[in-house]
Amino acid sequence: MTKKQRALAAVEALKALYPEAVCSLTAENPLQLLIATRLSAQCTDARVNLVTPALFARFPTLDSLADADPDEVGEYIRSCGLYKTKARDIVAMCRVLRAEYNGRIPDTVEELTKLPGVGRKTANLICGDVYGKPAVVADTHCIRITGRLGLTDSKDPYKVELQLKKLLPPEESNNFCHRLVHFGRDVCSARSPKCEACPLVGFCPDKG
């Protein structure tokens, strides 16, 4: 089985396992999703989802965040880790969006990564979820599982992104990455993967 065949098999197996490919971050609009994704760095999505309701209730608009004191923002996101840096990034990001993008979230990785605190993982997620563009979100689940499947051979997110772009059908790539998050939590965990219950075991080089 070639890498491309294995990738297509994984796409179909995960599609059957998780018919609804949904982002595990809760957000009501593109700005909220952008901020939630920034908060998810070195933090679980579940923790972010606990924090964001109060944050967005206090700062419901781009202007309110752009005008906010980063120290106050930090108090709302303290449990997310690296909260001082994240708070500064969120406020700075909103100021740039207001000043340079007329409040609109950019729709390309190149423009998104110009925003304070926004890397390729966040940019790809926005491009895929908000704008429906082909995107590969190379988070920890994606890197771990595609490595075990022999689809990628690096821990570097950018290299993994490029390798997967060569293997995945563009229209499937974004949803595939969302499914990997759920699969990584339910089955293919970092420490104790449940290989005996895995629907990918038939073509996984790392099985058992």
C-alpha atoms as a PDB file:
ATOM      1  CA  MET A   1       0.000   0.000   0.000  1.00  0.00           C
ATOM      2  CA  THR A   2       1.440   3.369  -1.001  1.00  0.00           C
ATOM      3  CA  LYS A   3       1.374   6.405   1.268  1.00  0.00           C
ATOM      4  CA  LYS A   4      -1.342   7.962  -0.885  1.00  0.00           C
ATOM      5  CA  GLN A   5      -3.461   4.804  -0.683  1.00  0.00           C
ATOM      6  CA  ARG A   6      -2.948   4.678   3.090  1.00  0.00           C
ATOM      7  CA  ALA A   7      -3.941   8.330   3.388  1.00  0.00           C
ATOM      8  CA  LEU A   8      -7.133   7.754   1.390  1.00  0.00           C
ATOM      9  CA  ALA A   9      -7.934   4.689   3.490  1.00  0.00           C
ATOM     10  CA  ALA A  10      -7.479   6.742   6.663  1.00  0.00           C
ATOM     11  CA  VAL A  11      -9.722   9.492   5.295  1.00  0.00           C
ATOM     12  CA  GLU A  12     -12.529   7.003   4.614  1.00  0.00           C
ATOM     13  CA  ALA A  13     -12.124   5.137   7.916  1.00  0.00           C
ATOM     14  CA  LEU A  14     -12.263   8.318   9.968  1.00  0.00           C
ATOM     15  CA  LYS A  15     -15.166   9.638   7.933  1.00  0.00           C
ATOM     16  CA  ALA A  16     -17.108   6.500   8.843  1.00  0.00           C
ATOM     17  CA  LEU A  17     -16.108   6.818  12.495  1.00  0.00           C
ATOM     18  CA  TYR A  18     -16.844  10.559  12.750  1.00  0.00           C
ATOM     19  CA  PRO A  19     -19.419  11.511  10.091  1.00  0.00           C
ATOM     20  CA  GLU A  20     -19.679  15.022  11.530  1.00  0.00           C
ATOM     21  CA  ALA A  21     -16.254  16.626  11.214  1.00  0.00           C
ATOM     22  CA  VAL A  22     -16.510  19.503  13.654  1.00  0.00           C
ATOM     23  CA  CYS A  23     -13.973  21.739  15.275  1.00  0.00           C
ATOM     24  CA  SER A  24     -13.753  21.017  18.980  1.00  0.00           C
ATOM     25  CA  LEU A  25     -13.422  24.719  19.806  1.00  0.00           C
ATOM     26  CA  THR A  26     -16.669  26.567  20.518  1.00  0.00           C
ATOM     27  CA  ALA A  27     -17.102  29.877  18.697  1.00  0.00           C
ATOM     28  CA  GLU A  28     -19.984  31.944  17.362  1.00  0.00           C
ATOM     29  CA  ASN A  29     -18.089  33.931  14.726  1.00  0.00           C
ATOM     30  CA  PRO A  30     -14.722  34.063  12.934  1.00  0.00           C
ATOM     31  CA  LEU A  31     -13.146  36.438  15.454  1.00  0.00           C
ATOM     32  CA  GLN A  32     -14.083  34.183  18.360  1.00  0.00           C
ATOM     33  CA  LEU A  33     -12.667  31.178  16.514  1.00  0.00           C
ATOM     34  CA  LEU A  34      -9.435  33.052  15.817  1.00  0.00           C
ATOM     35  CA  ILE A  35      -9.054  33.968  19.482  1.00  0.00           C
ATOM     36  CA  ALA A  36     -10.036  30.513  20.734  1.00  0.00           C
ATOM     37  CA  THR A  37      -7.465  28.906  18.457  1.00  0.00           C
ATOM     38  CA  ARG A  38      -4.774  31.256  19.745  1.00  0.00           C
ATOM     39  CA  LEU A  39      -5.734  30.297  23.299  1.00  0.00           C
ATOM     40  CA  SER A  40      -5.508  26.578  22.478  1.00  0.00           C
ATOM     41  CA  ALA A  41      -1.726  26.694  22.076  1.00  0.00           C
ATOM     42  CA  GLN A  42      -0.275  24.434  24.795  1.00  0.00           C
ATOM     43  CA  CYS A  43      -3.758  24.137  26.278  1.00  0.00           C
ATOM     44  CA  THR A  44      -6.646  21.724  25.777  1.00  0.00           C
ATOM     45  CA  ASP A  45      -9.650  22.717  23.692  1.00  0.00           C
ATOM     46  CA  ALA A  46     -11.862  21.705  26.624  1.00  0.00           C
ATOM     47  CA  ARG A  47     -10.128  24.242  28.869  1.00  0.00           C
ATOM     48  CA  VAL A  48     -10.436  26.954  26.201  1.00  0.00           C
ATOM     49  CA  ASN A  49     -14.165  26.259  25.886  1.00  0.00           C
ATOM     50  CA  LEU A  50     -14.552  26.786  29.637  1.00  0.00           C
ATOM     51  CA  VAL A  51     -12.782  30.142  29.492  1.00  0.00           C
ATOM     52  CA  THR A  52     -14.126  31.814  26.358  1.00  0.00           C
ATOM     53  CA  PRO A  53     -17.802  32.363  27.355  1.00  0.00           C
ATOM     54  CA  ALA A  54     -16.871  34.814  30.117  1.00  0.00           C
ATOM     55  CA  LEU A  55     -14.166  36.409  27.963  1.00  0.00           C
ATOM     56  CA  PHE A  56     -16.537  37.056  25.072  1.00  0.00           C
ATOM     57  CA  ALA A  57     -19.316  38.213  27.390  1.00  0.00           C
ATOM     58  CA  ARG A  58     -16.961  40.869  28.760  1.00  0.00           C
ATOM     59  CA  PHE A  59     -15.456  41.710  25.351  1.00  0.00           C
ATOM     60  CA  PRO A  60     -18.167  40.970  22.774  1.00  0.00           C
ATOM     61  CA  THR A  61     -16.779  42.946  19.832  1.00  0.00           C
ATOM     62  CA  LEU A  62     -13.563  43.565  17.965  1.00  0.00           C
ATOM     63  CA  ASP A  63     -13.522  47.164  19.212  1.00  0.00           C
ATOM     64  CA  SER A  64     -13.950  46.132  22.837  1.00  0.00           C
ATOM     65  CA  LEU A  65     -10.970  43.787  22.572  1.00  0.00           C
ATOM     66  CA  ALA A  66      -8.877  46.275  20.602  1.00  0.00           C
ATOM     67  CA  ASP A  67      -9.474  48.864  23.333  1.00  0.00           C
ATOM     68  CA  ALA A  68      -8.991  46.400  26.195  1.00  0.00           C
ATOM     69  CA  ASP A  69      -6.250  46.399  28.795  1.00  0.00           C
ATOM     70  CA  PRO A  70      -4.223  43.219  28.202  1.00  0.00           C
ATOM     71  CA  ASP A  71      -3.959  42.725  31.962  1.00  0.00           C
ATOM     72  CA  GLU A  72      -7.750  42.510  32.254  1.00  0.00           C
ATOM     73  CA  VAL A  73      -7.975  40.123  29.300  1.00  0.00           C
ATOM     74  CA  GLY A  74      -5.305  38.036  31.000  1.00  0.00           C
ATOM     75  CA  GLU A  75      -7.440  37.586  34.097  1.00  0.00           C
ATOM     76  CA  TYR A  76     -10.129  35.886  32.003  1.00  0.00           C
ATOM     77  CA  ILE A  77      -7.717  33.467  30.356  1.00  0.00           C
ATOM     78  CA  ARG A  78      -5.330  32.816  33.229  1.00  0.00           C
ATOM     79  CA  SER A  79      -6.054  29.077  33.343  1.00  0.00           C
ATOM     80  CA  CYS A  80      -5.092  28.629  29.676  1.00  0.00           C
ATOM     81  CA  GLY A  81      -1.389  28.969  30.392  1.00  0.00           C
ATOM     82  CA  LEU A  82       1.001  31.603  29.013  1.00  0.00           C
ATOM     83  CA  TYR A  83      -1.897  33.924  29.654  1.00  0.00           C
ATOM     84  CA  LYS A  84       0.084  37.169  29.687  1.00  0.00           C
ATOM     85  CA  THR A  85       1.541  36.526  26.245  1.00  0.00           C
ATOM     86  CA  LYS A  86      -1.790  35.339  24.882  1.00  0.00           C
ATOM     87  CA  ALA A  87      -3.591  38.381  26.273  1.00  0.00           C
ATOM     88  CA  ARG A  88      -1.090  40.749  24.659  1.00  0.00           C
ATOM     89  CA  ASP A  89      -1.418  38.892  21.363  1.00  0.00           C
ATOM     90  CA  ILE A  90      -5.222  38.986  21.412  1.00  0.00           C
ATOM     91  CA  VAL A  91      -5.375  42.732  22.026  1.00  0.00           C
ATOM     92  CA  ALA A  92      -2.635  43.461  19.490  1.00  0.00           C
ATOM     93  CA  MET A  93      -4.291  41.173  16.932  1.00  0.00           C
ATOM     94  CA  CYS A  94      -7.605  42.992  17.273  1.00  0.00           C
ATOM     95  CA  ARG A  95      -5.912  46.364  16.927  1.00  0.00           C
ATOM     96  CA  VAL A  96      -4.237  45.252  13.699  1.00  0.00           C
ATOM     97  CA  LEU A  97      -7.516  43.817  12.368  1.00  0.00           C
ATOM     98  CA  ARG A  98      -9.249  47.114  13.034  1.00  0.00           C
ATOM     99  CA  ALA A  99      -6.482  49.346  11.699  1.00  0.00           C
ATOM    100  CA  GLU A 100      -5.336  47.371   8.665  1.00  0.00           C
ATOM    101  CA  TYR A 101      -8.161  44.997   7.704  1.00  0.00           C
ATOM    102  CA  ASN A 102     -11.260  47.077   8.470  1.00  0.00           C
ATOM    103  CA  GLY A 103     -12.250  44.495  11.065  1.00  0.00           C
ATOM    104  CA  ARG A 104     -12.347  41.592   8.598  1.00  0.00           C
ATOM    105  CA  ILE A 105     -10.502  38.359   9.283  1.00  0.00           C
ATOM    106  CA  PRO A 106      -8.053  37.693   6.396  1.00  0.00           C
ATOM    107  CA  ASP A 107      -8.688  34.645   4.223  1.00  0.00           C
ATOM    108  CA  THR A 108      -5.137  33.533   3.403  1.00  0.00           C
ATOM    109  CA  VAL A 109      -2.436  31.895   5.484  1.00  0.00           C
ATOM    110  CA  GLU A 110      -0.005  34.574   4.346  1.00  0.00           C
ATOM    111  CA  GLU A 111      -2.142  37.451   5.642  1.00  0.00           C
ATOM    112  CA  LEU A 112      -3.298  35.675   8.781  1.00  0.00           C
ATOM    113  CA  THR A 113       0.243  34.896   9.893  1.00  0.00           C
ATOM    114  CA  LYS A 114       1.012  38.611   9.813  1.00  0.00           C
ATOM    115  CA  LEU A 115      -1.282  39.017  12.816  1.00  0.00           C
ATOM    116  CA  PRO A 116       0.338  38.998  16.281  1.00  0.00           C
ATOM    117  CA  GLY A 117       0.472  35.497  17.738  1.00  0.00           C
ATOM    118  CA  VAL A 118      -0.987  33.755  14.701  1.00  0.00           C
ATOM    119  CA  GLY A 119       0.977  30.809  13.333  1.00  0.00           C
ATOM    120  CA  ARG A 120       0.254  28.443  10.481  1.00  0.00           C
ATOM    121  CA  LYS A 121      -1.872  26.086  12.596  1.00  0.00           C
ATOM    122  CA  THR A 122      -4.272  28.872  13.518  1.00  0.00           C
ATOM    123  CA  ALA A 123      -4.184  30.354  10.029  1.00  0.00           C
ATOM    124  CA  ASN A 124      -4.989  27.036   8.380  1.00  0.00           C
ATOM    125  CA  LEU A 125      -7.879  26.395  10.746  1.00  0.00           C
ATOM    126  CA  ILE A 126      -9.403  29.794   9.934  1.00  0.00           C
ATOM    127  CA  CYS A 127      -8.941  29.287   6.195  1.00  0.00           C
ATOM    128  CA  GLY A 128     -10.596  25.873   6.394  1.00  0.00           C
ATOM    129  CA  ASP A 129     -13.411  26.495   8.858  1.00  0.00           C
ATOM    130  CA  VAL A 130     -14.312  30.089   8.044  1.00  0.00           C
ATOM    131  CA  TYR A 131     -13.582  30.272   4.333  1.00  0.00           C
ATOM    132  CA  GLY A 132     -13.954  26.637   3.265  1.00  0.00           C
ATOM    133  CA  LYS A 133     -10.512  26.472   1.722  1.00  0.00           C
ATOM    134  CA  PRO A 134      -8.338  23.326   1.662  1.00  0.00           C
ATOM    135  CA  ALA A 135      -6.263  23.398   4.829  1.00  0.00           C
ATOM    136  CA  VAL A 136      -4.037  21.141   6.910  1.00  0.00           C
ATOM    137  CA  VAL A 137      -4.027  21.918  10.628  1.00  0.00           C
ATOM    138  CA  ALA A 138      -0.867  20.245  11.877  1.00  0.00           C
ATOM    139  CA  ASP A 139      -1.568  20.104  15.608  1.00  0.00           C
ATOM    140  CA  THR A 140      -0.198  17.547  18.059  1.00  0.00           C
ATOM    141  CA  HIS A 141      -2.855  14.933  17.218  1.00  0.00           C
ATOM    142  CA  CYS A 142      -2.256  15.312  13.498  1.00  0.00           C
ATOM    143  CA  ILE A 143       1.521  15.055  13.859  1.00  0.00           C
ATOM    144  CA  ARG A 144       1.369  12.024  16.158  1.00  0.00           C
ATOM    145  CA  ILE A 145      -1.212   9.999  14.232  1.00  0.00           C
ATOM    146  CA  THR A 146       0.020  10.681  10.705  1.00  0.00           C
ATOM    147  CA  GLY A 147       3.493   9.771  11.929  1.00  0.00           C
ATOM    148  CA  ARG A 148       2.229   6.456  13.292  1.00  0.00           C
ATOM    149  CA  LEU A 149       0.462   5.818   9.999  1.00  0.00           C
ATOM    150  CA  GLY A 150       3.695   6.416   8.126  1.00  0.00           C
ATOM    151  CA  LEU A 151       2.225   9.353   6.212  1.00  0.00           C
ATOM    152  CA  THR A 152       4.684  11.853   7.667  1.00  0.00           C
ATOM    153  CA  ASP A 153       8.195  11.589   9.065  1.00  0.00           C
ATOM    154  CA  SER A 154       8.671  14.829  10.973  1.00  0.00           C
ATOM    155  CA  LYS A 155       7.625  16.502  14.218  1.00  0.00           C
ATOM    156  CA  ASP A 156       7.861  19.911  12.572  1.00  0.00           C
ATOM    157  CA  PRO A 157       4.320  21.209  11.922  1.00  0.00           C
ATOM    158  CA  TYR A 158       5.216  22.965   8.677  1.00  0.00           C
ATOM    159  CA  LYS A 159       6.918  19.887   7.238  1.00  0.00           C
ATOM    160  CA  VAL A 160       3.947  17.728   8.261  1.00  0.00           C
ATOM    161  CA  GLU A 161       1.586  20.210   6.622  1.00  0.00           C
ATOM    162  CA  LEU A 162       3.508  20.078   3.343  1.00  0.00           C
ATOM    163  CA  GLN A 163       3.765  16.286   3.377  1.00  0.00           C
ATOM    164  CA  LEU A 164       0.031  15.854   3.985  1.00  0.00           C
ATOM    165  CA  LYS A 165      -0.885  18.327   1.264  1.00  0.00           C
ATOM    166  CA  LYS A 166       0.745  15.934  -1.219  1.00  0.00           C
ATOM    167  CA  LEU A 167      -1.287  12.981   0.052  1.00  0.00           C
ATOM    168  CA  LEU A 168      -4.751  14.244   1.000  1.00  0.00           C
ATOM    169  CA  PRO A 169      -7.517  15.231  -1.404  1.00  0.00           C
ATOM    170  CA  PRO A 170      -7.784  19.018  -0.912  1.00  0.00           C
ATOM    171  CA  GLU A 171     -11.515  18.870  -0.276  1.00  0.00           C
ATOM    172  CA  GLU A 172     -10.978  16.326   2.531  1.00  0.00           C
ATOM    173  CA  SER A 173      -7.952  17.818   4.256  1.00  0.00           C
ATOM    174  CA  ASN A 174      -9.623  20.194   6.714  1.00  0.00           C
ATOM    175  CA  ASN A 175     -12.235  17.701   7.899  1.00  0.00           C
ATOM    176  CA  PHE A 176      -9.587  14.972   8.120  1.00  0.00           C
ATOM    177  CA  CYS A 177      -7.625  17.094  10.587  1.00  0.00           C
ATOM    178  CA  HIS A 178     -10.731  17.739  12.698  1.00  0.00           C
ATOM    179  CA  ARG A 179     -11.414  14.001  12.788  1.00  0.00           C
ATOM    180  CA  LEU A 180      -7.825  13.308  13.844  1.00  0.00           C
ATOM    181  CA  VAL A 181      -8.392  15.427  16.980  1.00  0.00           C
ATOM    182  CA  HIS A 182     -11.377  13.319  18.040  1.00  0.00           C
ATOM    183  CA  PHE A 183      -9.629  10.097  17.025  1.00  0.00           C
ATOM    184  CA  GLY A 184      -6.524  11.107  18.961  1.00  0.00           C
ATOM    185  CA  ARG A 185      -8.557  11.590  22.117  1.00  0.00           C
ATOM    186  CA  ASP A 186     -10.758   8.510  21.751  1.00  0.00           C
ATOM    187  CA  VAL A 187      -8.443   5.891  20.262  1.00  0.00           C
ATOM    188  CA  CYS A 188      -4.945   6.862  19.141  1.00  0.00           C
ATOM    189  CA  SER A 189      -3.797   8.624  22.287  1.00  0.00           C
ATOM    190  CA  ALA A 190      -0.218   9.617  22.935  1.00  0.00           C
ATOM    191  CA  ARG A 191       0.524   7.224  25.795  1.00  0.00           C
ATOM    192  CA  SER A 192      -1.809   4.275  25.439  1.00  0.00           C
ATOM    193  CA  PRO A 193      -3.304   3.908  21.950  1.00  0.00           C
ATOM    194  CA  LYS A 194      -6.197   1.442  21.762  1.00  0.00           C
ATOM    195  CA  CYS A 195      -4.826  -0.486  18.786  1.00  0.00           C
ATOM    196  CA  GLU A 196      -7.139  -3.440  19.446  1.00  0.00           C
ATOM    197  CA  ALA A 197     -10.163  -1.196  18.868  1.00  0.00           C
ATOM    198  CA  CYS A 198      -8.723   0.872  16.017  1.00  0.00           C
ATOM    199  CA  PRO A 199     -10.435   0.855  12.602  1.00  0.00           C
ATOM    200  CA  LEU A 200      -7.120   1.854  11.007  1.00  0.00           C
ATOM    201  CA  VAL A 201      -5.145  -1.079  12.399  1.00  0.00           C
ATOM    202  CA  GLY A 202      -5.333  -3.044   9.133  1.00  0.00           C
ATOM    203  CA  PHE A 203      -3.065  -0.570   7.357  1.00  0.00           C
ATOM    204  CA  CYS A 204      -1.143   1.057  10.230  1.00  0.00           C
ATOM    205  CA  PRO A 205       2.591   0.317  10.225  1.00  0.00           C
ATOM    206  CA  ASP A 206       2.782   1.195  13.931  1.00  0.00           C
ATOM    207  CA  LYS A 207      -0.004  -1.123  15.116  1.00  0.00           C
ATOM    208  CA  GLY A 208       0.324  -2.666  18.525  1.00  0.00           C
END
